Amino acid sequence: MAMSDASRDTTDRIRRVFVRSLHVNLREEDLDYEERLDEVAGLDSLAVIEFVTALEKEFGITMEPELLRLDLVKNLPQLAAYVEKRVARFSGSKPYDS
């Protein structure tokens, strides 16, 4: 299954946020698109919080706590799909408009 341009862009941004927010000792290019992020860097609960916070800032979204499971956060393709859904939802609504 080919990844769409939007998915590739989203995945690239997630990889960049992952490397920068967790200060892992590798380059963004070293993360495979199908990589399980917990296999690259041990994700403890503090690392997950830092990573999620950085993702929310990067994409201008709020992640739903009840859907935030470790298996979602550590799986790059699933996480990219989730982030795209949240971005679409947030861009479609403008809660601060008068």
PDB file of N, CA and C in Angstrom:
ATOM      1  N   MET A   1       0.848  -1.183   0.000  1.00  0.00           N
ATOM      2  CA  MET A   1       0.000   0.000   0.000  1.00  0.00           C
ATOM      3  C   MET A   1       0.887   1.238   0.000  1.00  0.00           C
ATOM      4  N   ALA A   2       0.704   2.094  -0.965  1.00  0.00           N
ATOM      5  CA  ALA A   2       1.531   3.296  -1.081  1.00  0.00           C
ATOM      6  C   ALA A   2       1.052   4.357  -0.097  1.00  0.00           C
ATOM      7  N   MET A   3       2.010   5.058   0.458  1.00  0.00           N
ATOM      8  CA  MET A   3       1.699   6.126   1.400  1.00  0.00           C
ATOM      9  C   MET A   3       1.409   7.402   0.614  1.00  0.00           C
ATOM     10  N   SER A   4       0.328   8.090   0.962  1.00  0.00           N
ATOM     11  CA  SER A   4      -0.006   9.331   0.272  1.00  0.00           C
ATOM     12  C   SER A   4       0.988  10.414   0.649  1.00  0.00           C
ATOM     13  N   ASP A   5       1.008  11.502  -0.140  1.00  0.00           N
ATOM     14  CA  ASP A   5       1.914  12.607   0.164  1.00  0.00           C
ATOM     15  C   ASP A   5       1.628  13.189   1.542  1.00  0.00           C
ATOM     16  N   ALA A   6       0.359  13.324   1.868  1.00  0.00           N
ATOM     17  CA  ALA A   6       0.000  13.873   3.180  1.00  0.00           C
ATOM     18  C   ALA A   6       0.506  12.958   4.283  1.00  0.00           C
ATOM     19  N   SER A   7       0.359  11.663   4.115  1.00  0.00           N
ATOM     20  CA  SER A   7       0.833  10.718   5.122  1.00  0.00           C
ATOM     21  C   SER A   7       2.347  10.765   5.238  1.00  0.00           C
ATOM     22  N   ARG A   8       3.028  10.894   4.110  1.00  0.00           N
ATOM     23  CA  ARG A   8       4.494  10.957   4.155  1.00  0.00           C
ATOM     24  C   ARG A   8       4.922  12.243   4.872  1.00  0.00           C
ATOM     25  N   ASP A   9       4.273  13.356   4.575  1.00  0.00           N
ATOM     26  CA  ASP A   9       4.595  14.615   5.250  1.00  0.00           C
ATOM     27  C   ASP A   9       4.336  14.495   6.752  1.00  0.00           C
ATOM     28  N   THR A  10       3.194  13.942   7.103  1.00  0.00           N
ATOM     29  CA  THR A  10       2.857  13.765   8.514  1.00  0.00           C
ATOM     30  C   THR A  10       3.872  12.855   9.189  1.00  0.00           C
ATOM     31  N   THR A  11       4.211  11.760   8.547  1.00  0.00           N
ATOM     32  CA  THR A  11       5.179  10.826   9.120  1.00  0.00           C
ATOM     33  C   THR A  11       6.542  11.476   9.274  1.00  0.00           C
ATOM     34  N   ASP A  12       6.954  12.252   8.288  1.00  0.00           N
ATOM     35  CA  ASP A  12       8.240  12.961   8.390  1.00  0.00           C
ATOM     36  C   ASP A  12       8.237  13.913   9.583  1.00  0.00           C
ATOM     37  N   ARG A  13       7.143  14.630   9.766  1.00  0.00           N
ATOM     38  CA  ARG A  13       7.055  15.565  10.882  1.00  0.00           C
ATOM     39  C   ARG A  13       7.060  14.832  12.217  1.00  0.00           C
ATOM     40  N   ILE A  14       6.378  13.698  12.296  1.00  0.00           N
ATOM     41  CA  ILE A  14       6.361  12.903  13.528  1.00  0.00           C
ATOM     42  C   ILE A  14       7.762  12.384  13.836  1.00  0.00           C
ATOM     43  N   ARG A  15       8.448  11.919  12.823  1.00  0.00           N
ATOM     44  CA  ARG A  15       9.821  11.426  13.035  1.00  0.00           C
ATOM     45  C   ARG A  15      10.708  12.552  13.561  1.00  0.00           C
ATOM     46  N   ARG A  16      10.571  13.739  12.988  1.00  0.00           N
ATOM     47  CA  ARG A  16      11.369  14.892  13.425  1.00  0.00           C
ATOM     48  C   ARG A  16      11.052  15.230  14.887  1.00  0.00           C
ATOM     49  N   VAL A  17       9.780  15.263  15.239  1.00  0.00           N
ATOM     50  CA  VAL A  17       9.369  15.555  16.611  1.00  0.00           C
ATOM     51  C   VAL A  17       9.897  14.477  17.556  1.00  0.00           C
ATOM     52  N   PHE A  18       9.823  13.228  17.144  1.00  0.00           N
ATOM     53  CA  PHE A  18      10.299  12.123  17.971  1.00  0.00           C
ATOM     54  C   PHE A  18      11.778  12.291  18.296  1.00  0.00           C
ATOM     55  N   VAL A  19      12.584  12.525  17.282  1.00  0.00           N
ATOM     56  CA  VAL A  19      14.032  12.657  17.475  1.00  0.00           C
ATOM     57  C   VAL A  19      14.354  13.878  18.333  1.00  0.00           C
ATOM     58  N   ARG A  20      13.698  14.993  18.043  1.00  0.00           N
ATOM     59  CA  ARG A  20      14.019  16.232  18.763  1.00  0.00           C
ATOM     60  C   ARG A  20      13.479  16.257  20.185  1.00  0.00           C
ATOM     61  N   SER A  21      12.257  15.793  20.394  1.00  0.00           N
ATOM     62  CA  SER A  21      11.657  15.887  21.728  1.00  0.00           C
ATOM     63  C   SER A  21      12.262  14.884  22.706  1.00  0.00           C
ATOM     64  N   LEU A  22      12.687  13.741  22.206  1.00  0.00           N
ATOM     65  CA  LEU A  22      13.237  12.713  23.095  1.00  0.00           C
ATOM     66  C   LEU A  22      14.755  12.684  23.083  1.00  0.00           C
ATOM     67  N   HIS A  23      15.356  13.531  22.257  1.00  0.00           N
ATOM     68  CA  HIS A  23      16.815  13.628  22.189  1.00  0.00           C
ATOM     69  C   HIS A  23      17.471  12.264  21.968  1.00  0.00           C
ATOM     70  N   VAL A  24      16.865  11.483  21.058  1.00  0.00           N
ATOM     71  CA  VAL A  24      17.442  10.174  20.766  1.00  0.00           C
ATOM     72  C   VAL A  24      18.672  10.355  19.891  1.00  0.00           C
ATOM     73  N   ASN A  25      19.598   9.454  20.025  1.00  0.00           N
ATOM     74  CA  ASN A  25      20.872   9.551  19.336  1.00  0.00           C
ATOM     75  C   ASN A  25      20.799   8.898  17.952  1.00  0.00           C
ATOM     76  N   LEU A  26      19.979   9.468  17.090  1.00  0.00           N
ATOM     77  CA  LEU A  26      19.908   9.026  15.703  1.00  0.00           C
ATOM     78  C   LEU A  26      19.325  10.140  14.867  1.00  0.00           C
ATOM     79  N   ARG A  27      19.431   9.974  13.567  1.00  0.00           N
ATOM     80  CA  ARG A  27      18.902  10.982  12.648  1.00  0.00           C
ATOM     81  C   ARG A  27      17.483  10.605  12.252  1.00  0.00           C
ATOM     82  N   GLU A  28      16.695  11.607  11.888  1.00  0.00           N
ATOM     83  CA  GLU A  28      15.316  11.368  11.457  1.00  0.00           C
ATOM     84  C   GLU A  28      15.282  10.356  10.314  1.00  0.00           C
ATOM     85  N   GLU A  29      16.243  10.454   9.414  1.00  0.00           N
ATOM     86  CA  GLU A  29      16.287   9.578   8.244  1.00  0.00           C
ATOM     87  C   GLU A  29      16.498   8.118   8.637  1.00  0.00           C
ATOM     88  N   ASP A  30      17.012   7.886   9.842  1.00  0.00           N
ATOM     89  CA  ASP A  30      17.280   6.519  10.282  1.00  0.00           C
ATOM     90  C   ASP A  30      16.022   5.793  10.754  1.00  0.00           C
ATOM     91  N   LEU A  31      14.937   6.532  10.956  1.00  0.00           N
ATOM     92  CA  LEU A  31      13.681   5.913  11.370  1.00  0.00           C
ATOM     93  C   LEU A  31      12.934   5.435  10.132  1.00  0.00           C
ATOM     94  N   ASP A  32      12.682   4.168  10.057  1.00  0.00           N
ATOM     95  CA  ASP A  32      11.933   3.581   8.953  1.00  0.00           C
ATOM     96  C   ASP A  32      10.463   3.997   9.067  1.00  0.00           C
ATOM     97  N   TYR A  33       9.761   4.069   7.953  1.00  0.00           N
ATOM     98  CA  TYR A  33       8.353   4.479   7.971  1.00  0.00           C
ATOM     99  C   TYR A  33       7.457   3.484   8.695  1.00  0.00           C
ATOM    100  N   GLU A  34       7.888   2.252   8.794  1.00  0.00           N
ATOM    101  CA  GLU A  34       7.078   1.249   9.475  1.00  0.00           C
ATOM    102  C   GLU A  34       7.613   0.956  10.876  1.00  0.00           C
ATOM    103  N   GLU A  35       8.541   1.743  11.322  1.00  0.00           N
ATOM    104  CA  GLU A  35       9.236   1.517  12.590  1.00  0.00           C
ATOM    105  C   GLU A  35       8.286   1.575  13.778  1.00  0.00           C
ATOM    106  N   ARG A  36       8.549   0.705  14.725  1.00  0.00           N
ATOM    107  CA  ARG A  36       7.871   0.795  16.013  1.00  0.00           C
ATOM    108  C   ARG A  36       8.768   1.643  16.898  1.00  0.00           C
ATOM    109  N   LEU A  37       8.270   2.778  17.313  1.00  0.00           N
ATOM    110  CA  LEU A  37       9.099   3.767  17.989  1.00  0.00           C
ATOM    111  C   LEU A  37       9.672   3.265  19.312  1.00  0.00           C
ATOM    112  N   ASP A  38       8.970   2.342  19.963  1.00  0.00           N
ATOM    113  CA  ASP A  38       9.487   1.810  21.224  1.00  0.00           C
ATOM    114  C   ASP A  38      10.713   0.927  21.005  1.00  0.00           C
ATOM    115  N   GLU A  39      10.886   0.406  19.793  1.00  0.00           N
ATOM    116  CA  GLU A  39      12.061  -0.409  19.498  1.00  0.00           C
ATOM    117  C   GLU A  39      13.287   0.464  19.233  1.00  0.00           C
ATOM    118  N   VAL A  40      13.052   1.713  18.850  1.00  0.00           N
ATOM    119  CA  VAL A  40      14.136   2.647  18.569  1.00  0.00           C
ATOM    120  C   VAL A  40      14.645   3.260  19.867  1.00  0.00           C
ATOM    121  N   ALA A  41      13.723   3.666  20.691  1.00  0.00           N
ATOM    122  CA  ALA A  41      14.073   4.293  21.973  1.00  0.00           C
ATOM    123  C   ALA A  41      13.074   3.800  23.003  1.00  0.00           C
ATOM    124  N   GLY A  42      13.560   3.368  24.128  1.00  0.00           N
ATOM    125  CA  GLY A  42      12.655   2.905  25.175  1.00  0.00           C
ATOM    126  C   GLY A  42      11.711   4.019  25.577  1.00  0.00           C
ATOM    127  N   LEU A  43      10.427   3.796  25.396  1.00  0.00           N
ATOM    128  CA  LEU A  43       9.438   4.816  25.741  1.00  0.00           C
ATOM    129  C   LEU A  43       8.848   4.503  27.107  1.00  0.00           C
ATOM    130  N   ASP A  44       9.287   5.251  28.117  1.00  0.00           N
ATOM    131  CA  ASP A  44       8.627   5.129  29.406  1.00  0.00           C
ATOM    132  C   ASP A  44       7.507   6.162  29.452  1.00  0.00           C
ATOM    133  N   SER A  45       6.772   6.195  30.534  1.00  0.00           N
ATOM    134  CA  SER A  45       5.609   7.086  30.591  1.00  0.00           C
ATOM    135  C   SER A  45       5.998   8.552  30.465  1.00  0.00           C
ATOM    136  N   LEU A  46       7.117   8.960  31.028  1.00  0.00           N
ATOM    137  CA  LEU A  46       7.559  10.350  30.908  1.00  0.00           C
ATOM    138  C   LEU A  46       7.924  10.682  29.459  1.00  0.00           C
ATOM    139  N   ALA A  47       8.606   9.767  28.787  1.00  0.00           N
ATOM    140  CA  ALA A  47       8.969   9.991  27.388  1.00  0.00           C
ATOM    141  C   ALA A  47       7.724  10.094  26.519  1.00  0.00           C
ATOM    142  N   VAL A  48       6.719   9.285  26.799  1.00  0.00           N
ATOM    143  CA  VAL A  48       5.467   9.340  26.036  1.00  0.00           C
ATOM    144  C   VAL A  48       4.803  10.700  26.218  1.00  0.00           C
ATOM    145  N   ILE A  49       4.768  11.199  27.443  1.00  0.00           N
ATOM    146  CA  ILE A  49       4.159  12.508  27.713  1.00  0.00           C
ATOM    147  C   ILE A  49       4.914  13.614  26.970  1.00  0.00           C
ATOM    148  N   GLU A  50       6.230  13.579  27.027  1.00  0.00           N
ATOM    149  CA  GLU A  50       7.032  14.589  26.318  1.00  0.00           C
ATOM    150  C   GLU A  50       6.785  14.520  24.813  1.00  0.00           C
ATOM    151  N   PHE A  51       6.749  13.325  24.280  1.00  0.00           N
ATOM    152  CA  PHE A  51       6.538  13.129  22.851  1.00  0.00           C
ATOM    153  C   PHE A  51       5.145  13.614  22.437  1.00  0.00           C
ATOM    154  N   VAL A  52       4.124  13.239  23.182  1.00  0.00           N
ATOM    155  CA  VAL A  52       2.753  13.650  22.862  1.00  0.00           C
ATOM    156  C   VAL A  52       2.612  15.164  22.943  1.00  0.00           C
ATOM    157  N   THR A  53       3.186  15.780  23.968  1.00  0.00           N
ATOM    158  CA  THR A  53       3.134  17.228  24.114  1.00  0.00           C
ATOM    159  C   THR A  53       3.794  17.910  22.914  1.00  0.00           C
ATOM    160  N   ALA A  54       4.935  17.391  22.495  1.00  0.00           N
ATOM    161  CA  ALA A  54       5.627  17.958  21.331  1.00  0.00           C
ATOM    162  C   ALA A  54       4.806  17.765  20.057  1.00  0.00           C
ATOM    163  N   LEU A  55       4.140  16.618  19.920  1.00  0.00           N
ATOM    164  CA  LEU A  55       3.277  16.382  18.748  1.00  0.00           C
ATOM    165  C   LEU A  55       2.103  17.357  18.725  1.00  0.00           C
ATOM    166  N   GLU A  56       1.502  17.577  19.874  1.00  0.00           N
ATOM    167  CA  GLU A  56       0.370  18.500  19.942  1.00  0.00           C
ATOM    168  C   GLU A  56       0.787  19.900  19.518  1.00  0.00           C
ATOM    169  N   LYS A  57       1.960  20.341  19.955  1.00  0.00           N
ATOM    170  CA  LYS A  57       2.462  21.657  19.554  1.00  0.00           C
ATOM    171  C   LYS A  57       2.765  21.699  18.062  1.00  0.00           C
ATOM    172  N   GLU A  58       3.415  20.678  17.556  1.00  0.00           N
ATOM    173  CA  GLU A  58       3.794  20.627  16.139  1.00  0.00           C
ATOM    174  C   GLU A  58       2.587  20.703  15.217  1.00  0.00           C
ATOM    175  N   PHE A  59       1.534  19.958  15.565  1.00  0.00           N
ATOM    176  CA  PHE A  59       0.378  19.854  14.672  1.00  0.00           C
ATOM    177  C   PHE A  59      -0.792  20.737  15.082  1.00  0.00           C
ATOM    178  N   GLY A  60      -0.695  21.421  16.214  1.00  0.00           N
ATOM    179  CA  GLY A  60      -1.778  22.294  16.656  1.00  0.00           C
ATOM    180  C   GLY A  60      -3.038  21.527  17.013  1.00  0.00           C
ATOM    181  N   ILE A  61      -2.868  20.368  17.633  1.00  0.00           N
ATOM    182  CA  ILE A  61      -4.002  19.517  17.980  1.00  0.00           C
ATOM    183  C   ILE A  61      -3.946  19.191  19.467  1.00  0.00           C
ATOM    184  N   THR A  62      -5.031  18.604  19.939  1.00  0.00           N
ATOM    185  CA  THR A  62      -5.073  18.002  21.267  1.00  0.00           C
ATOM    186  C   THR A  62      -5.423  16.543  21.062  1.00  0.00           C
ATOM    187  N   MET A  63      -4.618  15.682  21.626  1.00  0.00           N
ATOM    188  CA  MET A  63      -4.867  14.255  21.473  1.00  0.00           C
ATOM    189  C   MET A  63      -5.838  13.804  22.553  1.00  0.00           C
ATOM    190  N   GLU A  64      -6.773  12.968  22.177  1.00  0.00           N
ATOM    191  CA  GLU A  64      -7.786  12.493  23.107  1.00  0.00           C
ATOM    192  C   GLU A  64      -7.168  11.516  24.107  1.00  0.00           C
ATOM    193  N   PRO A  65      -7.194  11.856  25.401  1.00  0.00           N
ATOM    194  CA  PRO A  65      -6.548  10.995  26.410  1.00  0.00           C
ATOM    195  C   PRO A  65      -7.083   9.568  26.413  1.00  0.00           C
ATOM    196  N   GLU A  66      -8.388   9.403  26.196  1.00  0.00           N
ATOM    197  CA  GLU A  66      -8.960   8.053  26.247  1.00  0.00           C
ATOM    198  C   GLU A  66      -8.513   7.185  25.071  1.00  0.00           C
ATOM    199  N   LEU A  67      -8.064   7.810  23.996  1.00  0.00           N
ATOM    200  CA  LEU A  67      -7.578   7.042  22.850  1.00  0.00           C
ATOM    201  C   LEU A  67      -6.059   6.916  22.840  1.00  0.00           C
ATOM    202  N   LEU A  68      -5.420   7.582  23.754  1.00  0.00           N
ATOM    203  CA  LEU A  68      -3.960   7.588  23.802  1.00  0.00           C
ATOM    204  C   LEU A  68      -3.463   6.328  24.493  1.00  0.00           C
ATOM    205  N   ARG A  69      -3.142   5.356  23.682  1.00  0.00           N
ATOM    206  CA  ARG A  69      -2.621   4.094  24.199  1.00  0.00           C
ATOM    207  C   ARG A  69      -1.177   3.968  23.749  1.00  0.00           C
ATOM    208  N   LEU A  70      -0.379   3.267  24.539  1.00  0.00           N
ATOM    209  CA  LEU A  70       1.023   3.100  24.189  1.00  0.00           C
ATOM    210  C   LEU A  70       1.168   2.459  22.815  1.00  0.00           C
ATOM    211  N   ASP A  71       0.284   1.513  22.476  1.00  0.00           N
ATOM    212  CA  ASP A  71       0.407   0.862  21.168  1.00  0.00           C
ATOM    213  C   ASP A  71       0.152   1.850  20.031  1.00  0.00           C
ATOM    214  N   LEU A  72      -0.670   2.870  20.243  1.00  0.00           N
ATOM    215  CA  LEU A  72      -0.891   3.900  19.223  1.00  0.00           C
ATOM    216  C   LEU A  72       0.328   4.814  19.107  1.00  0.00           C
ATOM    217  N   VAL A  73       0.842   5.249  20.239  1.00  0.00           N
ATOM    218  CA  VAL A  73       1.948   6.206  20.250  1.00  0.00           C
ATOM    219  C   VAL A  73       3.225   5.597  19.689  1.00  0.00           C
ATOM    220  N   LYS A  74       3.443   4.323  19.902  1.00  0.00           N
ATOM    221  CA  LYS A  74       4.704   3.719  19.468  1.00  0.00           C
ATOM    222  C   LYS A  74       4.672   3.197  18.045  1.00  0.00           C
ATOM    223  N   ASN A  75       3.500   3.152  17.411  1.00  0.00           N
ATOM    224  CA  ASN A  75       3.372   2.621  16.062  1.00  0.00           C
ATOM    225  C   ASN A  75       3.292   3.789  15.081  1.00  0.00           C
ATOM    226  N   LEU A  76       4.354   4.022  14.348  1.00  0.00           N
ATOM    227  CA  LEU A  76       4.462   5.207  13.485  1.00  0.00           C
ATOM    228  C   LEU A  76       3.331   5.308  12.451  1.00  0.00           C
ATOM    229  N   PRO A  77       3.015   4.264  11.684  1.00  0.00           N
ATOM    230  CA  PRO A  77       1.924   4.388  10.710  1.00  0.00           C
ATOM    231  C   PRO A  77       0.568   4.673  11.356  1.00  0.00           C
ATOM    232  N   GLN A  78       0.264   3.996  12.463  1.00  0.00           N
ATOM    233  CA  GLN A  78      -1.008   4.250  13.153  1.00  0.00           C
ATOM    234  C   GLN A  78      -1.057   5.652  13.724  1.00  0.00           C
ATOM    235  N   LEU A  79       0.051   6.084  14.284  1.00  0.00           N
ATOM    236  CA  LEU A  79       0.119   7.418  14.866  1.00  0.00           C
ATOM    237  C   LEU A  79      -0.067   8.481  13.791  1.00  0.00           C
ATOM    238  N   ALA A  80       0.555   8.302  12.638  1.00  0.00           N
ATOM    239  CA  ALA A  80       0.404   9.264  11.536  1.00  0.00           C
ATOM    240  C   ALA A  80      -1.056   9.349  11.096  1.00  0.00           C
ATOM    241  N   ALA A  81      -1.729   8.213  10.992  1.00  0.00           N
ATOM    242  CA  ALA A  81      -3.146   8.206  10.594  1.00  0.00           C
ATOM    243  C   ALA A  81      -3.995   8.921  11.643  1.00  0.00           C
ATOM    244  N   TYR A  82      -3.726   8.668  12.917  1.00  0.00           N
ATOM    245  CA  TYR A  82      -4.472   9.321  13.996  1.00  0.00           C
ATOM    246  C   TYR A  82      -4.247  10.840  13.963  1.00  0.00           C
ATOM    247  N   VAL A  83      -3.002  11.256  13.818  1.00  0.00           N
ATOM    248  CA  VAL A  83      -2.678  12.686  13.799  1.00  0.00           C
ATOM    249  C   VAL A  83      -3.383  13.360  12.625  1.00  0.00           C
ATOM    250  N   GLU A  84      -3.391  12.723  11.459  1.00  0.00           N
ATOM    251  CA  GLU A  84      -4.079  13.316  10.304  1.00  0.00           C
ATOM    252  C   GLU A  84      -5.567  13.488  10.570  1.00  0.00           C
ATOM    253  N   LYS A  85      -6.197  12.523  11.230  1.00  0.00           N
ATOM    254  CA  LYS A  85      -7.620  12.647  11.576  1.00  0.00           C
ATOM    255  C   LYS A  85      -7.844  13.820  12.524  1.00  0.00           C
ATOM    256  N   ARG A  86      -6.959  13.965  13.519  1.00  0.00           N
ATOM    257  CA  ARG A  86      -7.097  15.054  14.476  1.00  0.00           C
ATOM    258  C   ARG A  86      -6.864  16.409  13.798  1.00  0.00           C
ATOM    259  N   VAL A  87      -5.886  16.483  12.923  1.00  0.00           N
ATOM    260  CA  VAL A  87      -5.612  17.730  12.202  1.00  0.00           C
ATOM    261  C   VAL A  87      -6.829  18.110  11.363  1.00  0.00           C
ATOM    262  N   ALA A  88      -7.415  17.136  10.664  1.00  0.00           N
ATOM    263  CA  ALA A  88      -8.598  17.404   9.838  1.00  0.00           C
ATOM    264  C   ALA A  88      -9.751  17.897  10.706  1.00  0.00           C
ATOM    265  N   ARG A  89      -9.909  17.299  11.858  1.00  0.00           N
ATOM    266  CA  ARG A  89     -10.989  17.706  12.758  1.00  0.00           C
ATOM    267  C   ARG A  89     -10.756  19.108  13.298  1.00  0.00           C
ATOM    268  N   PHE A  90      -9.519  19.391  13.712  1.00  0.00           N
ATOM    269  CA  PHE A  90      -9.215  20.707  14.269  1.00  0.00           C
ATOM    270  C   PHE A  90      -9.239  21.791  13.198  1.00  0.00           C
ATOM    271  N   SER A  91      -8.838  21.481  11.989  1.00  0.00           N
ATOM    272  CA  SER A  91      -8.841  22.500  10.934  1.00  0.00           C
ATOM    273  C   SER A  91     -10.255  22.784  10.442  1.00  0.00           C
ATOM    274  N   GLY A  92     -11.161  21.829  10.646  1.00  0.00           N
ATOM    275  CA  GLY A  92     -12.533  22.016  10.226  1.00  0.00           C
ATOM    276  C   GLY A  92     -13.358  22.831  11.208  1.00  0.00           C
ATOM    277  N   SER A  93     -12.889  22.911  12.448  1.00  0.00           N
ATOM    278  CA  SER A  93     -13.625  23.672  13.446  1.00  0.00           C
ATOM    279  C   SER A  93     -12.758  24.827  13.942  1.00  0.00           C
ATOM    280  N   LYS A  94     -13.407  25.930  14.190  1.00  0.00           N
ATOM    281  CA  LYS A  94     -12.699  27.111  14.666  1.00  0.00           C
ATOM    282  C   LYS A  94     -13.365  27.589  15.940  1.00  0.00           C
ATOM    283  N   PRO A  95     -12.985  26.967  17.084  1.00  0.00           N
ATOM    284  CA  PRO A  95     -13.698  27.258  18.325  1.00  0.00           C
ATOM    285  C   PRO A  95     -13.532  28.681  18.826  1.00  0.00           C
ATOM    286  N   TYR A  96     -12.547  29.415  18.373  1.00  0.00           N
ATOM    287  CA  TYR A  96     -12.335  30.755  18.903  1.00  0.00           C
ATOM    288  C   TYR A  96     -12.855  31.851  17.989  1.00  0.00           C
ATOM    289  N   ASP A  97     -13.492  31.471  16.886  1.00  0.00           N
ATOM    290  CA  ASP A  97     -14.068  32.482  16.007  1.00  0.00           C
ATOM    291  C   ASP A  97     -15.317  33.073  16.650  1.00  0.00           C
ATOM    292  N   SER A  98     -15.530  34.348  16.417  1.00  0.00           N
ATOM    293  CA  SER A  98     -16.731  34.996  16.959  1.00  0.00           C
ATOM    294  C   SER A  98     -17.849  34.907  15.971  1.00  0.00           C
TER     295      SER A  98
END
